[in-house]
Protein backbone atom coordinates (compact mmCIF):
# COMPACT_ATOMS: atom_id res chain seq x y z
CA MET A 1 114.10 -142.77 -223.22
CA ALA A 2 111.97 -145.09 -220.98
CA LYS A 3 111.41 -148.70 -222.71
CA VAL A 4 108.89 -150.97 -220.70
CA LYS A 5 107.24 -154.01 -222.57
CA PRO A 6 104.14 -155.99 -221.83
CA PHE A 7 104.25 -159.39 -220.48
CA CYS A 8 102.26 -162.37 -219.74
CA GLY A 9 101.41 -161.41 -215.93
CA VAL A 10 100.66 -164.42 -213.34
CA ARG A 11 97.48 -163.60 -211.40
CA PRO A 12 94.56 -164.82 -209.24
CA PRO A 13 91.28 -165.80 -211.11
CA ARG A 14 88.79 -162.92 -210.53
CA ASP A 15 87.17 -165.18 -207.78
CA MET A 16 90.06 -166.06 -205.92
CA VAL A 17 91.94 -161.93 -206.33
CA THR A 18 90.51 -160.96 -202.36
CA ARG A 19 91.76 -164.20 -200.81
CA VAL A 20 95.18 -163.80 -202.62
CA ALA A 21 96.17 -160.28 -202.63
CA SER A 22 97.93 -158.63 -199.58
CA ARG A 23 99.36 -155.43 -198.33
CA PRO A 24 103.22 -155.13 -199.19
CA TYR A 25 106.04 -157.36 -197.23
CA ASP A 26 107.21 -154.07 -195.68
CA VAL A 27 104.60 -152.56 -194.27
CA LEU A 28 104.16 -155.14 -191.63
CA ASN A 29 105.59 -157.57 -189.09
CA SER A 30 105.53 -161.03 -189.08
CA GLU A 31 102.80 -161.31 -186.67
CA GLU A 32 100.28 -159.22 -188.49
CA ALA A 33 100.82 -161.04 -191.47
CA ARG A 34 100.50 -163.99 -189.49
CA ALA A 35 97.16 -162.76 -187.99
CA GLU A 36 95.98 -161.48 -191.33
CA ALA A 37 96.75 -164.86 -193.27
CA GLU A 38 95.22 -166.97 -190.76
CA GLY A 39 92.69 -169.85 -192.00
CA ASN A 40 93.59 -168.10 -195.68
CA PRO A 41 96.23 -170.56 -197.07
CA SER A 42 95.72 -168.42 -200.22
CA SER A 43 96.90 -165.27 -199.21
CA LEU A 44 99.80 -163.78 -200.94
CA TYR A 45 101.71 -163.61 -197.31
CA HIS A 46 102.75 -167.29 -197.58
CA ILE A 47 105.14 -166.38 -200.23
CA ILE A 48 105.94 -162.30 -199.50
CA LYS A 49 105.96 -163.70 -195.79
CA PRO A 50 107.00 -167.50 -195.65
CA GLU A 51 107.91 -166.95 -192.06
CA ILE A 52 104.17 -167.30 -190.69
CA ASP A 53 104.44 -170.72 -192.13
CA PHE A 54 106.87 -171.42 -189.49
CA ALA A 55 107.06 -171.27 -185.45
CA PRO A 56 106.87 -167.86 -184.32
CA GLY A 57 110.42 -165.91 -184.12
CA THR A 58 111.56 -167.72 -186.84
CA ASP A 59 114.30 -165.82 -188.80
CA GLU A 60 112.88 -164.38 -191.36
CA HIS A 61 115.90 -164.83 -193.49
CA ALA A 62 116.92 -168.01 -193.15
CA PRO A 63 117.72 -170.49 -195.58
CA ALA A 64 114.46 -172.28 -195.09
CA VAL A 65 112.08 -169.23 -195.32
CA TYR A 66 112.95 -168.34 -198.69
CA ASP A 67 112.97 -172.14 -199.88
CA LYS A 68 109.37 -172.51 -198.44
CA ALA A 69 108.59 -169.24 -200.49
CA VAL A 70 109.29 -170.78 -203.52
CA GLU A 71 107.56 -173.98 -202.61
CA ASN A 72 104.56 -172.19 -201.99
CA PHE A 73 105.02 -170.43 -205.02
CA ASN A 74 105.14 -173.01 -207.04
CA LYS A 75 101.18 -174.45 -204.75
CA PHE A 76 99.24 -171.40 -205.59
CA GLN A 77 100.07 -171.87 -209.35
CA ARG A 78 99.31 -176.34 -209.11
CA GLU A 79 96.35 -175.07 -207.18
CA GLY A 80 95.12 -172.44 -209.61
CA TRP A 81 95.22 -169.65 -207.22
CA LEU A 82 97.98 -168.05 -209.34
CA VAL A 83 96.92 -168.26 -213.20
CA GLN A 84 99.44 -167.33 -216.30
CA ASP A 85 98.16 -164.81 -218.75
CA ASP A 86 98.30 -166.91 -222.33
CA GLU A 87 99.61 -163.70 -223.98
CA GLU A 88 101.47 -160.75 -223.04
CA HIS A 89 99.31 -157.31 -221.87
CA TYR A 90 99.83 -154.05 -220.49
CA TYR A 91 97.29 -153.57 -217.27
CA ILE A 92 95.74 -150.53 -215.63
CA TYR A 93 95.53 -150.56 -211.59
CA ALA A 94 93.27 -147.85 -209.98
CA GLN A 95 93.65 -147.32 -206.40
CA THR A 96 90.83 -145.35 -204.37
CA MET A 97 91.26 -143.34 -200.85
CA ASP A 98 89.02 -140.56 -199.42
CA GLY A 99 86.76 -140.92 -202.81
CA ARG A 100 90.50 -139.50 -204.88
CA THR A 101 91.62 -142.10 -207.22
CA GLN A 102 95.01 -142.46 -209.07
CA TYR A 103 95.21 -144.67 -212.05
CA GLY A 104 98.49 -146.75 -212.76
CA ILE A 105 100.05 -148.30 -216.04
CA VAL A 106 101.17 -152.32 -214.88
CA VAL A 107 104.43 -152.76 -217.16
CA ALA A 108 107.90 -154.54 -217.45
CA ALA A 109 110.25 -151.98 -216.15
CA ASN A 110 113.59 -152.16 -218.20
CA VAL A 111 117.01 -153.41 -215.88
CA ALA A 112 119.12 -151.40 -218.41
CA ASP A 113 116.97 -148.13 -217.49
CA TYR A 114 117.94 -148.39 -213.89
CA MET A 115 121.54 -149.45 -214.43
CA GLU A 116 122.15 -146.47 -216.35
CA GLY A 117 120.04 -143.69 -214.43
CA ARG A 118 116.87 -143.81 -216.65
CA ILE A 119 114.90 -144.80 -213.42
CA LYS A 120 115.77 -142.26 -210.85
CA LYS A 121 115.89 -142.64 -207.56
CA HIS A 122 115.45 -139.81 -204.64
CA GLU A 123 116.45 -142.10 -201.62
CA LEU A 124 119.71 -144.23 -200.57
CA THR A 125 119.47 -148.01 -200.13
CA ARG A 126 120.64 -150.54 -197.70
CA ARG A 127 122.44 -153.00 -198.82
CA ASP A 128 121.40 -155.62 -196.16
CA LYS A 129 117.69 -154.89 -197.16
CA GLU A 130 118.62 -155.24 -201.08
CA GLU A 131 120.14 -158.92 -200.51
CA ASP A 132 117.05 -159.63 -198.99
CA ARG A 133 114.61 -159.17 -201.95
CA MET A 134 117.62 -160.45 -204.38
CA LYS A 135 117.09 -163.39 -202.73
CA HIS A 136 113.50 -163.30 -202.43
CA VAL A 137 113.37 -162.53 -207.01
CA ARG A 138 116.43 -165.32 -207.15
CA ILE A 139 114.65 -167.98 -205.64
CA ASN A 140 111.28 -167.96 -207.09
CA ASN A 141 112.54 -166.39 -210.49
CA ALA A 142 110.06 -164.20 -210.55
CA ASN A 143 109.03 -160.24 -209.07
CA ILE A 144 106.18 -161.16 -207.30
CA GLU A 145 105.93 -157.56 -205.83
CA PRO A 146 105.48 -154.19 -207.97
CA VAL A 147 107.42 -151.29 -207.40
CA PHE A 148 106.00 -147.90 -207.05
CA PHE A 149 107.33 -145.72 -210.01
CA ALA A 150 105.98 -142.21 -211.84
CA PHE A 151 106.46 -139.93 -214.45
CA PRO A 152 105.83 -136.75 -215.96
CA ASP A 153 102.22 -136.14 -217.03
CA ASN A 154 101.54 -137.97 -220.78
CA ALA A 155 98.82 -136.84 -222.90
CA GLU A 156 98.81 -140.11 -224.96
CA LEU A 157 98.85 -142.32 -221.87
CA GLU A 158 96.23 -140.16 -219.87
CA ASP A 159 94.15 -141.10 -223.63
CA ILE A 160 94.85 -144.33 -222.99
CA ILE A 161 93.85 -144.62 -219.48
CA THR A 162 91.01 -142.92 -219.91
CA THR A 163 90.08 -145.23 -222.96
CA VAL A 164 90.85 -148.63 -221.37
CA THR A 165 88.72 -147.64 -217.51
CA LYS A 166 85.81 -146.59 -219.28
CA GLY A 167 85.94 -151.17 -219.71
CA GLU A 168 84.57 -153.62 -217.51
CA PRO A 169 87.31 -154.05 -215.21
CA GLU A 170 89.00 -157.58 -214.38
CA TYR A 171 88.98 -156.95 -210.75
CA ASP A 172 87.26 -154.41 -208.64
CA PHE A 173 86.72 -155.18 -204.77
CA VAL A 174 87.45 -153.00 -201.22
CA ALA A 175 90.31 -154.07 -199.27
CA PRO A 176 89.90 -154.25 -195.54
CA ASP A 177 91.71 -150.84 -194.82
CA GLY A 178 88.96 -149.14 -196.86
CA PHE A 179 91.13 -148.52 -200.02
CA GLY A 180 89.71 -149.40 -203.42
CA HIS A 181 91.45 -151.30 -205.87
CA THR A 182 90.49 -152.00 -209.56
CA PHE A 183 92.39 -153.47 -212.30
CA TRP A 184 91.97 -153.78 -216.02
CA VAL A 185 93.49 -156.23 -218.79
CA ILE A 186 94.61 -154.48 -221.71
CA ALA A 187 94.50 -156.93 -224.56
CA ASP A 188 93.95 -154.50 -227.63
CA LYS A 189 97.58 -154.98 -229.70
CA GLY A 190 96.94 -151.23 -230.93
CA LEU A 191 96.72 -149.84 -227.56
CA ILE A 192 99.56 -152.42 -226.60
CA LYS A 193 101.92 -150.09 -229.27
CA ARG A 194 100.66 -147.37 -228.50
CA ILE A 195 101.87 -146.97 -224.32
CA THR A 196 105.30 -149.11 -225.51
CA ASP A 197 105.53 -146.07 -227.95
CA ALA A 198 104.25 -143.04 -225.34
CA PHE A 199 106.52 -144.44 -223.02
CA GLU A 200 109.91 -144.54 -225.37
CA ALA A 201 109.14 -140.79 -225.36
CA ILE A 202 109.26 -140.04 -221.57
CA PRO A 203 113.00 -139.08 -220.93
CA TYR A 204 112.96 -140.79 -217.21
CA LEU A 205 110.77 -143.14 -214.86
CA TYR A 206 111.12 -142.28 -211.18
CA ILE A 207 110.68 -144.45 -208.36
CA ALA A 208 108.26 -143.17 -205.78
CA ASP A 209 108.08 -145.79 -203.44
CA GLY A 210 110.08 -149.05 -203.54
CA HIS A 211 114.04 -148.36 -203.75
CA HIS A 212 114.99 -151.65 -202.29
CA ARG A 213 112.57 -153.33 -204.36
CA THR A 214 113.36 -151.65 -207.55
CA ALA A 215 117.65 -152.35 -206.60
CA ALA A 216 116.95 -155.83 -205.97
CA ALA A 217 114.91 -156.38 -209.54
CA ALA A 218 117.53 -154.86 -211.37
CA LEU A 219 120.36 -156.43 -209.61
CA VAL A 220 118.88 -159.55 -210.15
CA GLY A 221 118.37 -158.96 -213.76
CA ASN A 222 121.98 -157.90 -214.81
CA GLU A 223 123.32 -160.56 -212.91
CA LYS A 224 121.39 -162.94 -215.38
CA ALA A 225 122.58 -161.17 -218.02
CA LEU A 226 126.12 -161.59 -217.00
CA ALA A 227 125.84 -164.74 -216.55
CA ASN A 228 124.22 -165.63 -219.81
CA PRO A 229 127.09 -166.02 -222.88
CA ALA A 230 123.85 -165.74 -225.22
CA HIS A 231 122.95 -163.02 -223.57
CA ARG A 232 120.67 -160.59 -226.34
CA GLY A 233 119.13 -158.07 -224.08
CA ASP A 234 115.16 -158.99 -224.88
CA GLU A 235 115.11 -161.86 -222.56
CA GLU A 236 112.04 -161.75 -219.80
CA TYR A 237 114.49 -161.39 -216.97
CA ASN A 238 115.92 -157.84 -218.45
CA PHE A 239 112.64 -156.51 -217.35
CA PHE A 240 110.57 -156.44 -213.80
CA LEU A 241 107.29 -155.25 -212.72
CA ALA A 242 106.33 -151.77 -212.18
CA VAL A 243 103.48 -149.68 -211.52
CA CYS A 244 103.71 -146.19 -213.36
CA PHE A 245 101.55 -143.54 -212.49
CA PRO A 246 101.21 -139.66 -214.08
CA ALA A 247 102.83 -137.20 -211.27
CA SER A 248 100.07 -135.13 -211.08
CA HIS A 249 97.92 -138.62 -209.97
CA LEU A 250 99.84 -138.94 -207.28
CA GLN A 251 99.88 -137.28 -203.59
CA ILE A 252 102.66 -137.45 -201.18
CA ILE A 253 101.33 -137.33 -197.57
CA ASP A 254 103.62 -136.22 -194.32
CA TYR A 255 105.93 -138.15 -192.66
CA ASN A 256 106.54 -137.02 -189.15
CA ARG A 257 109.02 -137.16 -185.86
CA VAL A 258 108.65 -138.14 -182.57
CA VAL A 259 111.63 -137.73 -180.17
CA LYS A 260 112.10 -139.75 -176.41
CA ASP A 261 113.50 -136.33 -174.87
CA LEU A 262 114.62 -132.68 -174.82
CA ASN A 263 118.65 -133.67 -174.89
CA GLY A 264 118.24 -132.27 -170.94
CA LEU A 265 116.30 -128.98 -171.26
CA THR A 266 113.37 -128.35 -170.03
CA SER A 267 110.16 -127.58 -172.34
CA ALA A 268 110.45 -123.74 -171.37
CA GLU A 269 114.50 -123.72 -172.45
CA PHE A 270 113.76 -125.84 -175.24
CA ILE A 271 110.96 -123.50 -176.75
CA GLU A 272 113.41 -120.74 -176.04
CA ARG A 273 115.88 -122.32 -178.31
CA LEU A 274 113.37 -122.92 -181.27
CA ARG A 275 112.39 -118.92 -180.65
CA GLU A 276 116.28 -118.54 -181.63
CA ASN A 277 115.38 -119.28 -185.48
CA PHE A 278 111.56 -119.75 -185.44
CA ASP A 279 108.39 -117.47 -184.63
CA VAL A 280 106.48 -119.91 -182.06
CA GLU A 281 102.99 -119.50 -182.02
CA ASP A 282 101.32 -121.76 -178.71
CA LYS A 283 97.50 -122.73 -180.34
CA GLY A 284 96.71 -124.51 -177.22
CA ASP A 285 95.45 -127.70 -175.83
CA GLY A 286 92.71 -128.37 -178.26
CA GLU A 287 92.05 -129.65 -181.96
CA PRO A 288 96.05 -130.56 -183.15
CA TYR A 289 97.29 -127.61 -185.14
CA ARG A 290 98.30 -129.19 -188.84
CA PRO A 291 101.22 -127.33 -190.57
CA SER A 292 99.64 -124.96 -193.08
CA CYS A 293 102.08 -124.81 -195.69
CA LEU A 294 105.83 -125.18 -196.62
CA HIS A 295 108.36 -124.21 -194.09
CA ASN A 296 105.60 -124.32 -191.27
CA PHE A 297 105.97 -126.90 -188.79
CA SER A 298 103.73 -128.08 -185.94
CA LEU A 299 105.02 -129.44 -182.48
CA TYR A 300 103.37 -131.58 -179.88
CA LEU A 301 104.89 -130.47 -176.32
CA GLU A 302 103.58 -131.37 -173.13
CA GLY A 303 99.54 -131.41 -174.31
CA ARG A 304 99.94 -127.89 -176.38
CA TRP A 305 100.76 -127.38 -180.06
CA TYR A 306 102.25 -124.84 -181.08
CA SER A 307 103.02 -123.63 -184.67
CA LEU A 308 106.86 -123.33 -185.83
CA THR A 309 107.99 -120.83 -188.57
CA PRO A 310 111.53 -120.23 -189.20
CA HIS A 311 113.03 -117.22 -190.08
CA ALA A 312 114.05 -116.09 -193.53
CA GLY A 313 117.79 -116.78 -194.10
CA THR A 314 117.38 -119.68 -192.13
CA TYR A 315 116.90 -122.09 -195.46
CA ASN A 316 117.68 -121.85 -198.99
CA ASP A 317 114.90 -121.92 -201.60
CA ASN A 318 117.37 -122.33 -204.22
CA ASP A 319 118.32 -125.47 -203.29
CA PRO A 320 116.86 -128.82 -203.94
CA ILE A 321 117.73 -130.20 -200.56
CA GLY A 322 117.99 -127.12 -198.52
CA VAL A 323 114.11 -126.08 -199.27
CA LEU A 324 112.70 -129.38 -197.78
CA ASP A 325 111.25 -128.80 -194.64
CA VAL A 326 112.41 -132.12 -193.60
CA THR A 327 116.22 -130.76 -194.07
CA VAL A 328 115.44 -127.39 -192.11
CA SER A 329 113.62 -129.38 -188.97
CA SER A 330 116.65 -132.05 -189.21
CA ASP A 331 119.26 -129.09 -188.93
CA LEU A 332 117.83 -126.76 -187.13
CA ILE A 333 115.69 -128.46 -184.28
CA LEU A 334 116.49 -132.44 -184.50
CA ARG A 335 120.63 -131.55 -184.73
CA ASP A 336 120.98 -128.14 -183.26
CA ILE A 337 118.94 -128.67 -180.27
CA LEU A 338 118.48 -132.01 -179.42
CA GLY A 339 121.41 -133.34 -180.55
CA ILE A 340 120.75 -136.26 -182.91
CA GLU A 341 122.88 -136.15 -185.54
CA ASP A 342 121.83 -139.50 -187.50
CA LEU A 343 118.19 -139.99 -188.50
CA ARG A 344 118.98 -143.73 -189.23
CA SER A 345 121.03 -145.06 -186.72
CA ASP A 346 119.52 -142.66 -183.72
CA LYS A 347 117.58 -144.55 -181.04
CA ARG A 348 115.56 -141.72 -179.66
CA ILE A 349 113.61 -140.70 -182.83
CA ASP A 350 111.06 -142.42 -184.28
CA PHE A 351 109.01 -141.73 -187.45
CA VAL A 352 105.02 -141.70 -187.97
CA GLY A 353 103.48 -141.48 -191.54
CA GLY A 354 100.98 -139.22 -191.87
CA ILE A 355 98.22 -141.84 -192.72
CA ARG A 356 98.05 -142.31 -188.98
CA GLY A 357 97.16 -138.88 -188.30
CA LEU A 358 98.36 -136.15 -185.71
CA GLY A 359 96.17 -138.17 -183.09
CA GLU A 360 98.95 -140.80 -183.12
CA LEU A 361 101.43 -138.22 -182.64
CA LYS A 362 99.63 -136.74 -179.35
CA ARG A 363 99.02 -140.08 -178.23
CA ARG A 364 102.56 -141.24 -178.36
CA VAL A 365 103.99 -138.07 -176.21
CA ASP A 366 100.74 -137.96 -173.94
CA SER A 367 101.67 -141.84 -173.16
CA GLY A 368 105.11 -140.83 -171.85
CA GLU A 369 106.74 -143.01 -174.62
CA MET A 370 108.03 -139.75 -176.04
CA ALA A 371 108.54 -136.12 -175.06
CA VAL A 372 108.03 -134.05 -178.15
CA ALA A 373 106.23 -134.41 -181.94
CA LEU A 374 107.31 -132.56 -184.95
CA ALA A 375 104.91 -132.93 -187.95
CA LEU A 376 106.05 -131.59 -191.07
CA TYR A 377 103.80 -130.26 -194.42
CA PRO A 378 104.61 -133.14 -197.22
CA VAL A 379 106.82 -132.84 -199.83
CA SER A 380 105.18 -132.20 -203.54
CA MET A 381 105.70 -134.48 -206.63
CA LYS A 382 107.91 -131.58 -207.92
CA GLN A 383 110.25 -131.40 -205.56
CA LEU A 384 110.62 -135.16 -205.49
CA MET A 385 111.50 -135.24 -209.44
CA ASP A 386 114.09 -132.25 -208.88
CA ILE A 387 115.73 -134.12 -206.22
CA ALA A 388 116.21 -137.14 -208.76
CA ASP A 389 116.69 -134.43 -211.85
CA THR A 390 119.90 -132.90 -210.26
CA GLY A 391 121.12 -136.41 -208.80
CA ASN A 392 120.84 -135.54 -204.88
CA ILE A 393 119.70 -137.96 -202.31
CA MET A 394 116.72 -136.84 -199.98
CA PRO A 395 117.28 -137.16 -196.38
CA PRO A 396 115.62 -140.33 -194.50
CA LYS A 397 112.35 -140.71 -193.94
CA THR A 398 110.93 -138.09 -196.39
CA THR A 399 107.98 -139.08 -198.43
CA TRP A 400 105.21 -141.51 -197.65
CA PHE A 401 102.81 -142.55 -200.52
CA GLU A 402 99.35 -144.04 -200.27
CA PRO A 403 97.54 -146.32 -201.07
CA LYS A 404 100.67 -148.74 -201.09
CA LEU A 405 100.18 -151.25 -204.02
CA ARG A 406 98.26 -154.24 -203.14
CA SER A 407 100.20 -157.00 -203.91
CA GLY A 408 99.16 -160.34 -205.78
CA LEU A 409 97.13 -158.74 -208.20
CA VAL A 410 99.64 -159.60 -211.14
CA ILE A 411 103.44 -161.14 -210.77
CA HIS A 412 105.85 -161.13 -213.18
CA LYS A 413 108.23 -164.36 -214.29
CA LEU A 414 111.89 -163.80 -215.46
CA ASP A 415 111.45 -166.52 -217.88
């Protein structure tokens, strides 16, 4: 059963939130963060991307950079740009994109739930990325940025969300990217208990986005437990910052592929190879063709769009991994025709989040940078949870969640 607790959040005063809040650390590079934070000493980038306070080109993993993160975190608290709540709360966090709103509950999630498999993952993590975030959590003694969880729809929690969001929000703003962010503080002790009890009835939480941050937060908490001879299990380090969304609120968008060459084939030869396993339909050189359903792909090659539909028997709908279009395309196109065996390491392939649109695929091929683009139908939340439930791991670059959680709305300290 999922164990969560309220916590004394560290967060900006209402009139500071738009200056403090930022995009997550891993969706932009150091130069982009430097540009976004320019002229704003209270931007959270000074804590989550502290290399921006050094000369361009500084190694973001240098010890001095981590030291700068904690120096800036302390400065933000001294200056009153971040202030800790006096009492423990849960919070509701709503995100609006393209007229659609999803509502998450901000909690302190349990380290033991992750270590013992009650918080389920669907992606592999890389140790170097885990270690980077572990250093950041350790030195700040805090989860500066939240992780993004999903849970099976729950009527009690849905009712609480509806009740709370009828009230006055603490924050309500539209970020520069056009996405809306609204945030409520739950102070009512009865509602707080209802939330805790409702989560206890939920058998599993699912990592939607932020596998490395989740692993890092849980591993640091576990380190602290092992290092404490008087460990009880209720210390704050046993918990980490998460925003938990009902699964039906979330929408996974497409995550597409572009490849630099055709593995020595001409365009005509490549299309003929595709016909061995796909029905190939030329959609012309006009509007981009978007995949219409599961097991339908869009291909862009030499200025033309194609629809690809795999032949019956080339995929396995009874296999939680085999049913995925990312598996079908990885096996039948990327591996068998284009010779790409490892999506994680092959330099001939790149990945484009669906938020950039099919026009970005067209642009990268038309520019000559890439030879061919492949657009996939998005994975569903049911597929994601089925894979996690069966202990399977999704292929690389399968899911893209949007909007991303805004960092800096609330922080969780480990003491």
